[in-house]
Amino acid sequence: MLSFRVGPFLVKDNDSLWRGDTLVALSPLQLRLFCFLCRHPQQVMEKSRIVSAVWGHADVSDVSLARAVHGLRVRLAQAGRPSEMIRNIYGRGYILTQPVQVVEPEPAAQPSPAASEPLPVLVATAGPSGAGG
């Protein structure tokens, strides 16, 4: 899965939005909307294309789309980012005004060579028989 860095935010695997170590609470719809805009940064996205990609069907009113964008803007502003990050292009759609950086997934941690070497086995031996002290 892809992760995106947008300003101070990190979208992890299209699954969650973070600002530093703080999870930004988004509804699933808001997260899908933000991820869609992140995949098309600094491009005007037509309303119909947003609706199709985010809702999965075309039976969504302009008011519903506007409410979803407004809710997303409110959450971003609460997390410390001005709402101008997403602008309305009157009569056309919306644009994410910030550049987006794709973040490559971190490789799985590799064990250190010392950790992969077997530990020595200690064998306890009985003392001399009949010795008692």
N, C-alpha and C. Protein backbone atom coordinates (compact mmCIF):
# COMPACT_ATOMS: atom_id res chain seq x y z
N MET A 1 0.84 -1.18 0.00
CA MET A 1 0.00 0.00 0.00
C MET A 1 0.88 1.25 0.00
N LEU A 2 0.34 2.30 -0.55
CA LEU A 2 1.08 3.56 -0.61
C LEU A 2 0.77 4.43 0.59
N SER A 3 1.76 5.20 0.96
CA SER A 3 1.58 6.23 1.97
C SER A 3 1.94 7.56 1.33
N PHE A 4 1.31 8.64 1.81
CA PHE A 4 1.54 9.96 1.26
C PHE A 4 1.90 10.93 2.37
N ARG A 5 2.80 11.86 2.08
CA ARG A 5 3.09 12.96 2.98
C ARG A 5 2.58 14.22 2.31
N VAL A 6 1.71 14.96 3.04
CA VAL A 6 1.12 16.20 2.56
C VAL A 6 1.30 17.23 3.67
N GLY A 7 2.22 18.16 3.45
CA GLY A 7 2.51 19.12 4.52
C GLY A 7 2.90 18.37 5.78
N PRO A 8 2.25 18.68 6.90
CA PRO A 8 2.61 18.01 8.15
C PRO A 8 1.92 16.66 8.35
N PHE A 9 1.14 16.23 7.37
CA PHE A 9 0.34 15.01 7.51
C PHE A 9 0.98 13.83 6.80
N LEU A 10 0.69 12.64 7.34
CA LEU A 10 1.09 11.39 6.71
C LEU A 10 -0.14 10.50 6.61
N VAL A 11 -0.47 10.12 5.39
CA VAL A 11 -1.54 9.14 5.16
C VAL A 11 -0.85 7.79 5.07
N LYS A 12 -1.15 6.91 6.03
CA LYS A 12 -0.50 5.60 6.06
C LYS A 12 -1.37 4.56 5.38
N ASP A 13 -0.88 4.02 4.29
CA ASP A 13 -1.51 2.90 3.59
C ASP A 13 -2.99 3.13 3.28
N ASN A 14 -3.36 4.37 2.97
CA ASN A 14 -4.77 4.72 2.69
C ASN A 14 -5.69 4.31 3.84
N ASP A 15 -5.13 4.19 5.04
CA ASP A 15 -5.87 3.64 6.17
C ASP A 15 -6.05 4.62 7.31
N SER A 16 -5.11 5.54 7.49
CA SER A 16 -5.18 6.47 8.62
C SER A 16 -4.38 7.73 8.29
N LEU A 17 -4.76 8.82 8.97
CA LEU A 17 -4.09 10.10 8.78
C LEU A 17 -3.43 10.49 10.09
N TRP A 18 -2.16 10.86 10.00
CA TRP A 18 -1.37 11.21 11.18
C TRP A 18 -0.75 12.59 11.02
N ARG A 19 -0.62 13.28 12.13
CA ARG A 19 0.19 14.49 12.20
C ARG A 19 1.20 14.23 13.30
N GLY A 20 2.42 13.95 12.90
CA GLY A 20 3.42 13.53 13.88
C GLY A 20 2.99 12.20 14.47
N ASP A 21 2.93 12.14 15.80
CA ASP A 21 2.51 10.92 16.49
C ASP A 21 1.02 10.92 16.82
N THR A 22 0.28 11.90 16.31
CA THR A 22 -1.13 12.04 16.64
C THR A 22 -2.02 11.58 15.49
N LEU A 23 -2.92 10.66 15.79
CA LEU A 23 -3.89 10.20 14.81
C LEU A 23 -4.94 11.28 14.62
N VAL A 24 -5.22 11.64 13.37
CA VAL A 24 -6.26 12.61 13.06
C VAL A 24 -7.53 11.82 12.78
N ALA A 25 -8.56 12.07 13.59
CA ALA A 25 -9.80 11.31 13.46
C ALA A 25 -10.57 11.76 12.22
N LEU A 26 -10.70 10.85 11.26
CA LEU A 26 -11.48 11.09 10.05
C LEU A 26 -12.50 9.98 9.90
N SER A 27 -13.65 10.32 9.34
CA SER A 27 -14.61 9.27 8.99
C SER A 27 -14.05 8.50 7.80
N PRO A 28 -14.54 7.29 7.57
CA PRO A 28 -14.07 6.55 6.38
C PRO A 28 -14.28 7.34 5.08
N LEU A 29 -15.39 8.05 4.98
CA LEU A 29 -15.66 8.86 3.79
C LEU A 29 -14.64 9.99 3.66
N GLN A 30 -14.36 10.68 4.76
CA GLN A 30 -13.37 11.77 4.71
C GLN A 30 -11.99 11.24 4.34
N LEU A 31 -11.63 10.08 4.86
CA LEU A 31 -10.33 9.49 4.54
C LEU A 31 -10.26 9.11 3.06
N ARG A 32 -11.32 8.51 2.52
CA ARG A 32 -11.33 8.17 1.08
C ARG A 32 -11.21 9.43 0.23
N LEU A 33 -11.91 10.49 0.64
CA LEU A 33 -11.86 11.75 -0.10
C LEU A 33 -10.46 12.34 -0.07
N PHE A 34 -9.84 12.37 1.10
CA PHE A 34 -8.50 12.92 1.22
C PHE A 34 -7.50 12.09 0.41
N CYS A 35 -7.60 10.77 0.49
CA CYS A 35 -6.70 9.90 -0.27
C CYS A 35 -6.86 10.11 -1.77
N PHE A 36 -8.10 10.27 -2.22
CA PHE A 36 -8.34 10.52 -3.64
C PHE A 36 -7.65 11.81 -4.06
N LEU A 37 -7.83 12.87 -3.29
CA LEU A 37 -7.19 14.15 -3.62
C LEU A 37 -5.67 14.04 -3.57
N CYS A 38 -5.15 13.23 -2.65
CA CYS A 38 -3.70 13.03 -2.55
C CYS A 38 -3.15 12.32 -3.79
N ARG A 39 -3.95 11.49 -4.41
CA ARG A 39 -3.50 10.80 -5.63
C ARG A 39 -3.54 11.72 -6.85
N HIS A 40 -4.14 12.91 -6.68
CA HIS A 40 -4.24 13.88 -7.78
C HIS A 40 -3.91 15.28 -7.27
N PRO A 41 -2.72 15.47 -6.70
CA PRO A 41 -2.41 16.76 -6.08
C PRO A 41 -2.32 17.88 -7.11
N GLN A 42 -2.73 19.04 -6.69
CA GLN A 42 -2.59 20.26 -7.48
C GLN A 42 -3.25 20.14 -8.84
N GLN A 43 -4.29 19.32 -8.92
CA GLN A 43 -5.08 19.17 -10.15
C GLN A 43 -6.54 19.42 -9.79
N VAL A 44 -7.25 20.13 -10.64
CA VAL A 44 -8.68 20.32 -10.42
C VAL A 44 -9.37 18.99 -10.71
N MET A 45 -10.06 18.47 -9.71
CA MET A 45 -10.80 17.23 -9.86
C MET A 45 -12.28 17.56 -10.04
N GLU A 46 -12.83 17.13 -11.15
CA GLU A 46 -14.25 17.37 -11.43
C GLU A 46 -15.10 16.70 -10.36
N LYS A 47 -16.22 17.34 -10.02
CA LYS A 47 -17.11 16.81 -9.00
C LYS A 47 -17.54 15.38 -9.33
N SER A 48 -17.91 15.14 -10.57
CA SER A 48 -18.39 13.81 -10.95
C SER A 48 -17.31 12.74 -10.77
N ARG A 49 -16.08 13.10 -11.03
CA ARG A 49 -14.98 12.14 -10.86
C ARG A 49 -14.73 11.85 -9.38
N ILE A 50 -14.83 12.88 -8.55
CA ILE A 50 -14.67 12.69 -7.10
C ILE A 50 -15.77 11.78 -6.59
N VAL A 51 -17.01 12.08 -6.96
CA VAL A 51 -18.15 11.29 -6.49
C VAL A 51 -18.00 9.83 -6.90
N SER A 52 -17.66 9.59 -8.15
CA SER A 52 -17.51 8.23 -8.64
C SER A 52 -16.41 7.48 -7.89
N ALA A 53 -15.29 8.14 -7.65
CA ALA A 53 -14.16 7.48 -6.98
C ALA A 53 -14.38 7.29 -5.48
N VAL A 54 -15.00 8.26 -4.84
CA VAL A 54 -15.11 8.23 -3.38
C VAL A 54 -16.36 7.48 -2.92
N TRP A 55 -17.49 7.73 -3.58
CA TRP A 55 -18.74 7.08 -3.19
C TRP A 55 -18.96 5.79 -3.96
N GLY A 56 -18.40 5.69 -5.16
CA GLY A 56 -18.56 4.48 -5.95
C GLY A 56 -19.80 4.48 -6.85
N HIS A 57 -20.55 5.54 -6.83
CA HIS A 57 -21.71 5.67 -7.71
C HIS A 57 -21.96 7.15 -7.95
N ALA A 58 -22.82 7.47 -8.89
CA ALA A 58 -23.01 8.86 -9.30
C ALA A 58 -24.23 9.51 -8.64
N ASP A 59 -24.93 8.81 -7.78
CA ASP A 59 -26.15 9.33 -7.18
C ASP A 59 -25.86 10.08 -5.88
N VAL A 60 -25.01 11.12 -5.97
CA VAL A 60 -24.64 11.93 -4.81
C VAL A 60 -24.81 13.39 -5.20
N SER A 61 -25.48 14.14 -4.35
CA SER A 61 -25.74 15.55 -4.67
C SER A 61 -24.50 16.40 -4.44
N ASP A 62 -24.51 17.58 -5.06
CA ASP A 62 -23.44 18.55 -4.84
C ASP A 62 -23.37 18.94 -3.37
N VAL A 63 -24.54 18.98 -2.72
CA VAL A 63 -24.59 19.35 -1.29
C VAL A 63 -23.87 18.29 -0.46
N SER A 64 -24.08 17.02 -0.76
CA SER A 64 -23.40 15.95 -0.02
C SER A 64 -21.89 16.03 -0.21
N LEU A 65 -21.46 16.29 -1.43
CA LEU A 65 -20.03 16.45 -1.69
C LEU A 65 -19.48 17.64 -0.93
N ALA A 66 -20.19 18.76 -0.98
CA ALA A 66 -19.74 19.97 -0.27
C ALA A 66 -19.65 19.72 1.24
N ARG A 67 -20.60 18.98 1.79
CA ARG A 67 -20.56 18.66 3.24
C ARG A 67 -19.36 17.79 3.57
N ALA A 68 -19.08 16.83 2.71
CA ALA A 68 -17.93 15.95 2.96
C ALA A 68 -16.63 16.75 2.92
N VAL A 69 -16.49 17.64 1.94
CA VAL A 69 -15.29 18.47 1.84
C VAL A 69 -15.20 19.40 3.05
N HIS A 70 -16.33 19.99 3.43
CA HIS A 70 -16.33 20.88 4.60
C HIS A 70 -15.88 20.12 5.85
N GLY A 71 -16.43 18.92 6.06
CA GLY A 71 -16.05 18.12 7.23
C GLY A 71 -14.56 17.79 7.23
N LEU A 72 -14.03 17.48 6.06
CA LEU A 72 -12.60 17.19 5.94
C LEU A 72 -11.78 18.43 6.26
N ARG A 73 -12.20 19.58 5.74
CA ARG A 73 -11.49 20.83 6.02
C ARG A 73 -11.48 21.14 7.51
N VAL A 74 -12.61 20.91 8.17
CA VAL A 74 -12.70 21.15 9.61
C VAL A 74 -11.71 20.27 10.35
N ARG A 75 -11.64 18.99 10.01
CA ARG A 75 -10.71 18.07 10.68
C ARG A 75 -9.26 18.48 10.44
N LEU A 76 -8.92 18.87 9.23
CA LEU A 76 -7.55 19.30 8.94
C LEU A 76 -7.22 20.57 9.72
N ALA A 77 -8.17 21.49 9.81
CA ALA A 77 -7.94 22.73 10.57
C ALA A 77 -7.78 22.43 12.05
N GLN A 78 -8.57 21.50 12.59
CA GLN A 78 -8.44 21.12 13.99
C GLN A 78 -7.08 20.51 14.27
N ALA A 79 -6.51 19.87 13.27
CA ALA A 79 -5.19 19.25 13.41
C ALA A 79 -4.08 20.26 13.15
N GLY A 80 -4.46 21.50 12.86
CA GLY A 80 -3.45 22.55 12.73
C GLY A 80 -3.09 22.94 11.31
N ARG A 81 -3.91 22.56 10.35
CA ARG A 81 -3.61 22.93 8.97
C ARG A 81 -4.76 23.78 8.44
N PRO A 82 -4.47 24.93 7.86
CA PRO A 82 -5.54 25.79 7.36
C PRO A 82 -6.41 25.09 6.32
N SER A 83 -7.67 25.47 6.29
CA SER A 83 -8.63 24.82 5.40
C SER A 83 -8.38 25.14 3.93
N GLU A 84 -7.50 26.08 3.62
CA GLU A 84 -7.19 26.40 2.22
C GLU A 84 -6.45 25.27 1.53
N MET A 85 -6.13 24.24 2.25
CA MET A 85 -5.44 23.10 1.67
C MET A 85 -6.28 22.46 0.56
N ILE A 86 -7.61 22.54 0.71
CA ILE A 86 -8.53 22.04 -0.30
C ILE A 86 -9.39 23.22 -0.74
N ARG A 87 -9.30 23.56 -2.02
CA ARG A 87 -10.05 24.71 -2.53
C ARG A 87 -11.15 24.27 -3.48
N ASN A 88 -12.23 25.01 -3.44
CA ASN A 88 -13.34 24.81 -4.37
C ASN A 88 -13.06 25.62 -5.62
N ILE A 89 -13.17 24.98 -6.76
CA ILE A 89 -13.06 25.67 -8.04
C ILE A 89 -14.50 25.76 -8.55
N TYR A 90 -15.08 26.93 -8.39
CA TYR A 90 -16.50 27.12 -8.62
C TYR A 90 -16.98 26.52 -9.95
N GLY A 91 -18.03 25.70 -9.83
CA GLY A 91 -18.63 25.10 -11.00
C GLY A 91 -17.89 23.90 -11.58
N ARG A 92 -16.71 23.61 -11.05
CA ARG A 92 -15.91 22.51 -11.62
C ARG A 92 -15.65 21.40 -10.63
N GLY A 93 -15.06 21.73 -9.50
CA GLY A 93 -14.70 20.69 -8.54
C GLY A 93 -13.81 21.22 -7.44
N TYR A 94 -12.82 20.41 -7.05
CA TYR A 94 -11.95 20.74 -5.93
C TYR A 94 -10.50 20.45 -6.31
N ILE A 95 -9.60 21.12 -5.58
CA ILE A 95 -8.17 20.92 -5.80
C ILE A 95 -7.46 20.85 -4.46
N LEU A 96 -6.56 19.89 -4.32
CA LEU A 96 -5.64 19.83 -3.18
C LEU A 96 -4.47 20.73 -3.55
N THR A 97 -4.30 21.82 -2.81
CA THR A 97 -3.34 22.84 -3.22
C THR A 97 -1.90 22.50 -2.85
N GLN A 98 -1.69 21.51 -2.02
CA GLN A 98 -0.36 21.17 -1.54
C GLN A 98 0.28 20.07 -2.39
N PRO A 99 1.60 20.11 -2.52
CA PRO A 99 2.28 18.98 -3.18
C PRO A 99 2.21 17.75 -2.28
N VAL A 100 2.27 16.60 -2.91
CA VAL A 100 2.19 15.33 -2.20
C VAL A 100 3.44 14.53 -2.50
N GLN A 101 4.01 13.95 -1.47
CA GLN A 101 5.19 13.10 -1.62
C GLN A 101 4.76 11.66 -1.33
N VAL A 102 5.03 10.76 -2.25
CA VAL A 102 4.77 9.34 -2.01
C VAL A 102 5.87 8.82 -1.11
N VAL A 103 5.47 8.13 -0.06
CA VAL A 103 6.42 7.58 0.91
C VAL A 103 6.51 6.09 0.68
N GLU A 104 7.70 5.63 0.41
CA GLU A 104 7.92 4.20 0.20
C GLU A 104 7.76 3.47 1.53
N PRO A 105 7.18 2.27 1.50
CA PRO A 105 7.06 1.50 2.74
C PRO A 105 8.44 1.15 3.28
N GLU A 106 8.53 1.15 4.60
CA GLU A 106 9.80 0.79 5.23
C GLU A 106 10.02 -0.70 5.09
N PRO A 107 11.25 -1.10 4.76
CA PRO A 107 11.51 -2.54 4.64
C PRO A 107 11.37 -3.21 6.00
N ALA A 108 11.01 -4.47 5.96
CA ALA A 108 10.90 -5.22 7.21
C ALA A 108 12.27 -5.28 7.89
N ALA A 109 12.24 -5.23 9.19
CA ALA A 109 13.49 -5.24 9.96
C ALA A 109 14.23 -6.55 9.73
N GLN A 110 15.50 -6.45 9.43
CA GLN A 110 16.33 -7.62 9.22
C GLN A 110 17.06 -7.94 10.53
N PRO A 111 17.11 -9.20 10.91
CA PRO A 111 17.84 -9.53 12.15
C PRO A 111 19.32 -9.25 11.98
N SER A 112 19.93 -8.81 13.06
CA SER A 112 21.37 -8.54 13.01
C SER A 112 22.10 -9.87 12.92
N PRO A 113 23.33 -9.88 12.34
CA PRO A 113 24.06 -11.15 12.22
C PRO A 113 24.27 -11.83 13.56
N ALA A 114 24.53 -11.07 14.60
CA ALA A 114 24.76 -11.66 15.91
C ALA A 114 23.50 -12.36 16.41
N ALA A 115 22.34 -11.83 16.08
CA ALA A 115 21.09 -12.42 16.55
C ALA A 115 20.80 -13.73 15.84
N SER A 116 21.36 -13.93 14.66
CA SER A 116 21.07 -15.16 13.93
C SER A 116 22.05 -16.29 14.28
N GLU A 117 23.11 -15.99 15.00
CA GLU A 117 24.05 -17.02 15.39
C GLU A 117 23.49 -17.80 16.57
N PRO A 118 23.69 -19.12 16.57
CA PRO A 118 23.17 -19.90 17.71
C PRO A 118 23.94 -19.58 18.99
N LEU A 119 23.22 -19.65 20.09
CA LEU A 119 23.86 -19.44 21.39
C LEU A 119 24.59 -20.71 21.80
N PRO A 120 25.69 -20.57 22.52
CA PRO A 120 26.40 -21.79 22.98
C PRO A 120 25.52 -22.53 23.99
N VAL A 121 25.64 -23.84 23.97
CA VAL A 121 24.86 -24.67 24.88
C VAL A 121 25.77 -25.06 26.02
N LEU A 122 25.30 -24.81 27.23
CA LEU A 122 26.05 -25.19 28.41
C LEU A 122 25.48 -26.48 28.93
N VAL A 123 26.35 -27.42 29.21
CA VAL A 123 25.91 -28.72 29.70
C VAL A 123 26.40 -28.86 31.12
N ALA A 124 25.46 -29.11 32.01
CA ALA A 124 25.82 -29.31 33.42
C ALA A 124 26.27 -30.75 33.60
N THR A 125 27.37 -30.92 34.29
CA THR A 125 27.86 -32.27 34.53
C THR A 125 27.79 -32.53 36.02
N ALA A 126 27.60 -33.77 36.36
CA ALA A 126 27.55 -34.14 37.78
C ALA A 126 28.95 -34.13 38.34
N GLY A 127 29.07 -33.76 39.58
CA GLY A 127 30.36 -33.74 40.25
C GLY A 127 30.87 -35.14 40.47
N PRO A 128 32.07 -35.27 41.02
CA PRO A 128 32.63 -36.61 41.23
C PRO A 128 31.70 -37.44 42.11
N SER A 129 31.54 -38.67 41.74
CA SER A 129 30.60 -39.49 42.48
C SER A 129 31.18 -39.83 43.84
N GLY A 130 30.29 -39.84 44.82
CA GLY A 130 30.69 -40.16 46.18
C GLY A 130 31.32 -39.02 46.90
N ALA A 131 31.49 -37.88 46.25
CA ALA A 131 32.09 -36.74 46.95
C ALA A 131 31.03 -36.10 47.78
N GLY A 132 31.23 -35.90 48.96
CA GLY A 132 30.27 -35.21 49.84
C GLY A 132 31.07 -34.45 50.85
N GLY A 133 30.69 -33.43 51.15
CA GLY A 133 31.51 -32.60 51.86
C GLY A 133 31.46 -32.31 53.17
